Amino acid sequence: MSEASCYATEEEDDEGKIELGPQRTLKEQVEKDKEDESLRRWKEQLLGSVDFNSVGETLEPDVEILSLSILTPGRPDLVLPMPESGNPKGLWFTLKEGSRYSLKFSFQVSNNIVSGLKYTNTVWKTAMKVDSTKEMLGTFSPRPEPYRHQMPEEGTPSGIFARGAYSARTKFLDDDDKCYLEINYTFDIRKEWPST
């Protein structure tokens, strides 16, 4: 068996996808299989204290990204304004070269369970991809309080060639590749932090 045959192609991946059953409203999911004690306990653990009157009969979950912030040790949090159009106009933020930072965001889930919510981010400098991040956030049930998530700490590159303008695309998607937010933006890496 050759080494190349150990890796699936994109076409093979699509063929091997699992066919899921019909999508159900949250109320239907709770009512289904009530006699299975372990399944009932699992559903209670997943759903917590969901108000079924507020979720209605909607099949599709809704995820709203409420806030995005950049946390840097020793500096105030940089709260990024959420663009109404999905794409901020002009430069969105500036980071100092060689600095440590992490991204924190909050989001609201309503209507139904969102399965396999993930965050992806791709960064380019002068049309060359320089970074790609993908993190699975998990499965979330609807609730009135927002969820919060902080990404692992990262560092900006440093040196004269690292400085300058970057473009990036951030997405929040679920297992069905439904996109809840896509932001295309630009940012700078500079020798020093911008003056406030």
C-alpha atoms as a PDB file:
ATOM      1  CA  MET A   1       0.000   0.000   0.000  1.00  0.00           C
ATOM      2  CA  SER A   2       1.542   3.316  -1.032  1.00  0.00           C
ATOM      3  CA  GLU A   3       1.850   6.247   1.355  1.00  0.00           C
ATOM      4  CA  ALA A   4      -0.323   8.397  -0.938  1.00  0.00           C
ATOM      5  CA  SER A   5      -3.238   5.964  -0.610  1.00  0.00           C
ATOM      6  CA  CYS A   6      -3.308   6.496   3.191  1.00  0.00           C
ATOM      7  CA  TYR A   7      -4.661  10.013   2.759  1.00  0.00           C
ATOM      8  CA  ALA A   8      -8.221  10.674   1.668  1.00  0.00           C
ATOM      9  CA  THR A   9      -8.873  13.177  -1.071  1.00  0.00           C
ATOM     10  CA  GLU A  10     -11.600  15.807  -0.720  1.00  0.00           C
ATOM     11  CA  GLU A  11     -13.866  13.757  -2.977  1.00  0.00           C
ATOM     12  CA  GLU A  12     -13.358  10.659  -0.818  1.00  0.00           C
ATOM     13  CA  ASP A  13     -14.092  12.704   2.337  1.00  0.00           C
ATOM     14  CA  ASP A  14     -17.436  13.803   0.896  1.00  0.00           C
ATOM     15  CA  GLU A  15     -18.343  10.192   0.062  1.00  0.00           C
ATOM     16  CA  GLY A  16     -17.620   9.054   3.622  1.00  0.00           C
ATOM     17  CA  LYS A  17     -19.842  11.656   5.315  1.00  0.00           C
ATOM     18  CA  ILE A  18     -22.416  10.317   7.719  1.00  0.00           C
ATOM     19  CA  GLU A  19     -26.029  10.794   6.701  1.00  0.00           C
ATOM     20  CA  LEU A  20     -27.892  12.269   9.664  1.00  0.00           C
ATOM     21  CA  GLY A  21     -31.555  11.696  10.379  1.00  0.00           C
ATOM     22  CA  PRO A  22     -34.208  14.370   9.976  1.00  0.00           C
ATOM     23  CA  GLN A  23     -33.696  17.591  11.888  1.00  0.00           C
ATOM     24  CA  ARG A  24     -36.134  18.115  14.758  1.00  0.00           C
ATOM     25  CA  THR A  25     -37.232  21.065  16.844  1.00  0.00           C
ATOM     26  CA  LEU A  26     -35.937  21.194  20.401  1.00  0.00           C
ATOM     27  CA  LYS A  27     -39.364  20.220  21.760  1.00  0.00           C
ATOM     28  CA  GLU A  28     -39.494  17.183  19.464  1.00  0.00           C
ATOM     29  CA  GLN A  29     -35.991  16.121  20.544  1.00  0.00           C
ATOM     30  CA  VAL A  30     -36.948  16.229  24.223  1.00  0.00           C
ATOM     31  CA  GLU A  31     -40.151  14.240  23.648  1.00  0.00           C
ATOM     32  CA  LYS A  32     -38.425  11.571  21.518  1.00  0.00           C
ATOM     33  CA  ASP A  33     -37.164   8.448  23.340  1.00  0.00           C
ATOM     34  CA  LYS A  34     -38.511   9.573  26.746  1.00  0.00           C
ATOM     35  CA  GLU A  35     -38.480   5.971  27.978  1.00  0.00           C
ATOM     36  CA  ASP A  36     -34.665   5.701  27.577  1.00  0.00           C
ATOM     37  CA  GLU A  37     -33.404   6.811  31.005  1.00  0.00           C
ATOM     38  CA  SER A  38     -29.755   7.388  30.042  1.00  0.00           C
ATOM     39  CA  LEU A  39     -30.751   9.356  26.925  1.00  0.00           C
ATOM     40  CA  ARG A  40     -33.177  11.459  28.985  1.00  0.00           C
ATOM     41  CA  ARG A  41     -30.405  12.298  31.523  1.00  0.00           C
ATOM     42  CA  TRP A  42     -27.990  13.183  28.685  1.00  0.00           C
ATOM     43  CA  LYS A  43     -30.577  15.525  27.140  1.00  0.00           C
ATOM     44  CA  GLU A  44     -31.181  17.182  30.524  1.00  0.00           C
ATOM     45  CA  GLN A  45     -27.437  17.698  30.955  1.00  0.00           C
ATOM     46  CA  LEU A  46     -27.085  19.165  27.442  1.00  0.00           C
ATOM     47  CA  LEU A  47     -30.165  21.377  27.586  1.00  0.00           C
ATOM     48  CA  GLY A  48     -29.917  22.531  31.200  1.00  0.00           C
ATOM     49  CA  SER A  49     -32.732  24.936  31.976  1.00  0.00           C
ATOM     50  CA  VAL A  50     -33.927  25.764  28.462  1.00  0.00           C
ATOM     51  CA  ASP A  51     -37.199  27.693  28.386  1.00  0.00           C
ATOM     52  CA  PHE A  52     -39.064  25.716  25.705  1.00  0.00           C
ATOM     53  CA  ASN A  53     -41.651  28.477  25.348  1.00  0.00           C
ATOM     54  CA  SER A  54     -38.951  30.896  24.175  1.00  0.00           C
ATOM     55  CA  VAL A  55     -37.324  28.552  21.622  1.00  0.00           C
ATOM     56  CA  GLY A  56     -40.537  27.936  19.687  1.00  0.00           C
ATOM     57  CA  GLU A  57     -40.746  25.389  16.893  1.00  0.00           C
ATOM     58  CA  THR A  58     -37.688  26.460  14.907  1.00  0.00           C
ATOM     59  CA  LEU A  59     -35.507  23.763  13.337  1.00  0.00           C
ATOM     60  CA  GLU A  60     -32.465  25.946  12.677  1.00  0.00           C
ATOM     61  CA  PRO A  61     -30.303  27.197  15.549  1.00  0.00           C
ATOM     62  CA  ASP A  62     -29.289  30.840  15.582  1.00  0.00           C
ATOM     63  CA  VAL A  63     -25.893  32.022  16.816  1.00  0.00           C
ATOM     64  CA  GLU A  64     -25.165  35.708  17.254  1.00  0.00           C
ATOM     65  CA  ILE A  65     -21.595  36.832  17.934  1.00  0.00           C
ATOM     66  CA  LEU A  66     -21.999  39.626  20.483  1.00  0.00           C
ATOM     67  CA  SER A  67     -18.445  40.812  21.089  1.00  0.00           C
ATOM     68  CA  LEU A  68     -14.825  40.296  20.053  1.00  0.00           C
ATOM     69  CA  SER A  69     -11.899  41.474  22.193  1.00  0.00           C
ATOM     70  CA  ILE A  70      -8.125  41.172  22.030  1.00  0.00           C
ATOM     71  CA  LEU A  71      -6.487  40.592  25.419  1.00  0.00           C
ATOM     72  CA  THR A  72      -2.833  41.513  25.880  1.00  0.00           C
ATOM     73  CA  PRO A  73      -1.009  41.191  29.248  1.00  0.00           C
ATOM     74  CA  GLY A  74      -0.374  44.592  30.827  1.00  0.00           C
ATOM     75  CA  ARG A  75      -2.708  46.472  28.465  1.00  0.00           C
ATOM     76  CA  PRO A  76      -6.416  47.291  28.545  1.00  0.00           C
ATOM     77  CA  ASP A  77      -8.636  44.919  26.558  1.00  0.00           C
ATOM     78  CA  LEU A  78      -9.070  46.015  22.951  1.00  0.00           C
ATOM     79  CA  VAL A  79     -12.826  45.690  22.313  1.00  0.00           C
ATOM     80  CA  LEU A  80     -13.451  45.513  18.575  1.00  0.00           C
ATOM     81  CA  PRO A  81     -16.613  47.177  17.290  1.00  0.00           C
ATOM     82  CA  MET A  82     -18.879  44.630  15.601  1.00  0.00           C
ATOM     83  CA  PRO A  83     -19.418  45.793  12.023  1.00  0.00           C
ATOM     84  CA  GLU A  84     -23.058  45.950  10.947  1.00  0.00           C
ATOM     85  CA  SER A  85     -22.213  45.043   7.355  1.00  0.00           C
ATOM     86  CA  GLY A  86     -19.940  42.144   8.317  1.00  0.00           C
ATOM     87  CA  ASN A  87     -16.770  43.896   7.145  1.00  0.00           C
ATOM     88  CA  PRO A  88     -15.123  46.755   9.041  1.00  0.00           C
ATOM     89  CA  LYS A  89     -14.153  49.735   6.934  1.00  0.00           C
ATOM     90  CA  GLY A  90     -10.407  50.418   6.851  1.00  0.00           C
ATOM     91  CA  LEU A  91      -7.934  49.270   9.477  1.00  0.00           C
ATOM     92  CA  TRP A  92      -9.724  47.351  12.272  1.00  0.00           C
ATOM     93  CA  PHE A  93      -6.893  47.206  14.857  1.00  0.00           C
ATOM     94  CA  THR A  94      -3.126  47.384  15.360  1.00  0.00           C
ATOM     95  CA  LEU A  95      -0.867  45.003  17.296  1.00  0.00           C
ATOM     96  CA  LYS A  96       2.717  45.438  18.432  1.00  0.00           C
ATOM     97  CA  GLU A  97       5.308  43.086  16.958  1.00  0.00           C
ATOM     98  CA  GLY A  98       6.472  40.319  19.292  1.00  0.00           C
ATOM     99  CA  SER A  99       3.510  40.758  21.663  1.00  0.00           C
ATOM    100  CA  ARG A 100       1.409  38.042  23.315  1.00  0.00           C
ATOM    101  CA  TYR A 101      -2.373  38.180  22.903  1.00  0.00           C
ATOM    102  CA  SER A 102      -5.531  36.086  22.931  1.00  0.00           C
ATOM    103  CA  LEU A 103      -8.949  36.557  21.381  1.00  0.00           C
ATOM    104  CA  LYS A 104     -12.046  36.514  23.579  1.00  0.00           C
ATOM    105  CA  PHE A 105     -15.593  36.476  22.261  1.00  0.00           C
ATOM    106  CA  SER A 106     -19.129  36.082  23.528  1.00  0.00           C
ATOM    107  CA  PHE A 107     -22.049  34.620  21.616  1.00  0.00           C
ATOM    108  CA  GLN A 108     -25.736  33.909  22.071  1.00  0.00           C
ATOM    109  CA  VAL A 109     -27.450  30.677  20.990  1.00  0.00           C
ATOM    110  CA  SER A 110     -31.206  30.625  20.378  1.00  0.00           C
ATOM    111  CA  ASN A 111     -33.956  28.507  18.750  1.00  0.00           C
ATOM    112  CA  ASN A 112     -32.220  25.104  18.775  1.00  0.00           C
ATOM    113  CA  ILE A 113     -28.980  23.283  19.657  1.00  0.00           C
ATOM    114  CA  VAL A 114     -25.979  24.355  17.576  1.00  0.00           C
ATOM    115  CA  SER A 115     -23.776  21.350  16.916  1.00  0.00           C
ATOM    116  CA  GLY A 116     -20.022  21.563  16.351  1.00  0.00           C
ATOM    117  CA  LEU A 117     -19.625  25.342  16.447  1.00  0.00           C
ATOM    118  CA  LYS A 118     -16.118  26.228  15.268  1.00  0.00           C
ATOM    119  CA  TYR A 119     -13.958  29.315  14.785  1.00  0.00           C
ATOM    120  CA  THR A 120     -11.687  29.683  11.752  1.00  0.00           C
ATOM    121  CA  ASN A 121      -9.271  32.498  10.950  1.00  0.00           C
ATOM    122  CA  THR A 122      -6.997  32.901   7.936  1.00  0.00           C
ATOM    123  CA  VAL A 123      -4.394  35.676   7.609  1.00  0.00           C
ATOM    124  CA  TRP A 124      -2.593  36.920   4.489  1.00  0.00           C
ATOM    125  CA  LYS A 125       0.255  39.366   3.955  1.00  0.00           C
ATOM    126  CA  THR A 126       0.630  40.649   0.402  1.00  0.00           C
ATOM    127  CA  ALA A 127      -1.533  37.833  -1.001  1.00  0.00           C
ATOM    128  CA  MET A 128       0.490  35.081   0.748  1.00  0.00           C
ATOM    129  CA  LYS A 129      -1.250  33.021   3.436  1.00  0.00           C
ATOM    130  CA  VAL A 130       0.795  33.351   6.630  1.00  0.00           C
ATOM    131  CA  ASP A 131      -1.505  31.838   9.265  1.00  0.00           C
ATOM    132  CA  SER A 132      -4.554  29.609   9.542  1.00  0.00           C
ATOM    133  CA  THR A 133      -6.371  28.769  12.782  1.00  0.00           C
ATOM    134  CA  LYS A 134      -9.283  26.425  13.364  1.00  0.00           C
ATOM    135  CA  GLU A 135     -10.748  25.676  16.789  1.00  0.00           C
ATOM    136  CA  MET A 136     -13.733  23.533  17.688  1.00  0.00           C
ATOM    137  CA  LEU A 137     -15.802  25.351  20.312  1.00  0.00           C
ATOM    138  CA  GLY A 138     -18.395  22.629  20.929  1.00  0.00           C
ATOM    139  CA  THR A 139     -22.140  21.997  20.996  1.00  0.00           C
ATOM    140  CA  PHE A 140     -24.361  24.540  22.736  1.00  0.00           C
ATOM    141  CA  SER A 141     -28.017  24.655  23.724  1.00  0.00           C
ATOM    142  CA  PRO A 142     -30.087  27.828  23.579  1.00  0.00           C
ATOM    143  CA  ARG A 143     -30.094  29.965  26.714  1.00  0.00           C
ATOM    144  CA  PRO A 144     -30.674  33.610  27.635  1.00  0.00           C
ATOM    145  CA  GLU A 145     -27.126  34.147  28.999  1.00  0.00           C
ATOM    146  CA  PRO A 146     -24.311  34.510  26.458  1.00  0.00           C
ATOM    147  CA  TYR A 147     -21.532  31.946  26.222  1.00  0.00           C
ATOM    148  CA  ARG A 148     -17.936  33.183  26.511  1.00  0.00           C
ATOM    149  CA  HIS A 149     -14.817  31.660  24.998  1.00  0.00           C
ATOM    150  CA  GLN A 150     -11.159  32.662  25.156  1.00  0.00           C
ATOM    151  CA  MET A 151      -8.744  31.345  22.544  1.00  0.00           C
ATOM    152  CA  PRO A 152      -5.273  30.096  23.527  1.00  0.00           C
ATOM    153  CA  GLU A 153      -2.580  32.761  23.751  1.00  0.00           C
ATOM    154  CA  GLU A 154      -0.615  33.494  20.584  1.00  0.00           C
ATOM    155  CA  GLY A 155       2.217  35.823  19.622  1.00  0.00           C
ATOM    156  CA  THR A 156       2.646  38.300  16.809  1.00  0.00           C
ATOM    157  CA  PRO A 157       5.721  37.890  14.615  1.00  0.00           C
ATOM    158  CA  SER A 158       8.539  40.399  14.995  1.00  0.00           C
ATOM    159  CA  GLY A 159      11.171  41.983  12.805  1.00  0.00           C
ATOM    160  CA  ILE A 160      11.132  44.403   9.936  1.00  0.00           C
ATOM    161  CA  PHE A 161       9.537  41.916   7.528  1.00  0.00           C
ATOM    162  CA  ALA A 162       6.719  41.130   9.976  1.00  0.00           C
ATOM    163  CA  ARG A 163       5.618  44.762  10.224  1.00  0.00           C
ATOM    164  CA  GLY A 164       2.942  46.120   7.933  1.00  0.00           C
ATOM    165  CA  ALA A 165      -0.609  45.509   6.769  1.00  0.00           C
ATOM    166  CA  TYR A 166      -2.360  42.145   6.885  1.00  0.00           C
ATOM    167  CA  SER A 167      -5.755  41.007   5.645  1.00  0.00           C
ATOM    168  CA  ALA A 168      -7.778  38.299   7.367  1.00  0.00           C
ATOM    169  CA  ARG A 169     -11.053  36.369   7.298  1.00  0.00           C
ATOM    170  CA  THR A 170     -12.755  35.115  10.452  1.00  0.00           C
ATOM    171  CA  LYS A 171     -15.719  32.720  10.367  1.00  0.00           C
ATOM    172  CA  PHE A 172     -17.989  31.032  12.888  1.00  0.00           C
ATOM    173  CA  LEU A 173     -19.526  27.849  11.405  1.00  0.00           C
ATOM    174  CA  ASP A 174     -21.349  24.762  12.615  1.00  0.00           C
ATOM    175  CA  ASP A 175     -21.142  21.064  11.640  1.00  0.00           C
ATOM    176  CA  ASP A 176     -23.390  21.695   8.643  1.00  0.00           C
ATOM    177  CA  ASP A 177     -21.050  24.498   7.473  1.00  0.00           C
ATOM    178  CA  LYS A 178     -23.762  27.063   8.193  1.00  0.00           C
ATOM    179  CA  CYS A 179     -21.920  30.360   8.626  1.00  0.00           C
ATOM    180  CA  TYR A 180     -23.137  32.592  11.466  1.00  0.00           C
ATOM    181  CA  LEU A 181     -20.577  35.340  10.968  1.00  0.00           C
ATOM    182  CA  GLU A 182     -17.894  36.058   8.383  1.00  0.00           C
ATOM    183  CA  ILE A 183     -15.685  39.107   8.796  1.00  0.00           C
ATOM    184  CA  ASN A 184     -13.091  40.221   6.244  1.00  0.00           C
ATOM    185  CA  TYR A 185     -10.778  42.828   7.730  1.00  0.00           C
ATOM    186  CA  THR A 186      -7.337  44.419   7.722  1.00  0.00           C
ATOM    187  CA  PHE A 187      -4.958  45.021  10.626  1.00  0.00           C
ATOM    188  CA  ASP A 188      -1.414  46.264  11.157  1.00  0.00           C
ATOM    189  CA  ILE A 189       1.600  44.966  13.043  1.00  0.00           C
ATOM    190  CA  ARG A 190       3.861  47.851  14.087  1.00  0.00           C
ATOM    191  CA  LYS A 191       7.076  48.358  16.031  1.00  0.00           C
ATOM    192  CA  GLU A 192       5.151  49.925  18.938  1.00  0.00           C
ATOM    193  CA  TRP A 193       1.581  49.993  20.209  1.00  0.00           C
ATOM    194  CA  PRO A 194      -0.453  52.883  18.791  1.00  0.00           C
ATOM    195  CA  SER A 195      -0.882  55.819  21.171  1.00  0.00           C
ATOM    196  CA  THR A 196      -4.314  55.840  22.778  1.00  0.00           C
END
